[in-house]
């Protein structure tokens, strides 16, 4: 075996290891989605296909609300565009972590697996990000989301509402667990995280700004905080492989 293959395999295995907590968290949250999808009249197989082809928690919950209300396809498409537009920003950030020699097909495939949690882990890698590290996370996270939905849809309404509600917030706790270690090591990341949280609270409770949709608020907060952070704390060009 050549050395490049072994390096790619090592990166893939490390990505799978890093993706285990993500997959478990996805299973818990998608279980709740599967229950709600079943209650909305969607079959278990349809719910499984929905999660297997989307991999977006906020987008799917919002889409399910549109489906339940018999909304128009244009409304569904616009809702998904606004809510998931943040992934475009995440993809742009990840592209800066890739070596300039990374082929286009790797960038294309990686974009299919960009989620909040996978992004959080991938962007925190030191040096260049290996596409195979990203793939390793994705192949663990995707089954957790898809099969969690299937199990939830098959279980129906067996679980009480309190348990379902607890499962629905597990993903947020996992994302906090991703941010906290990096913030504890770097004061700049800590300052950026706190600034983003405070600005998000301002957007949420300000009488005028509170009318902006949650997806749009996320995009605006990301652009403002990330833009100021990039201006105040420019990062040096990374040259090491990861």
Foldseek 3Di string as FASTA:
>chain_A
DDPVVVVLVVLLVLLLVVQQVLLQLLLLQLLLVLQLCLVLVHALVRQLVVLLQAVARVLSVVLSVCVSVVHDPVVNVVSNCLQVVVLVVLLVLLVLLADPPDDPVLSVVLSSQDDLQLSLVQNPDAFHGDSSSSVSNRVSNSCSNSVSSSNSNVCHCVDDPVSSVVSNCSNVVVSVVSQVVVCVVDVLSVVLVVQLVVQLVCLCPPPVSVPDDPSNSNVVSCCVSVVVSCVVPPDDRGDDDD
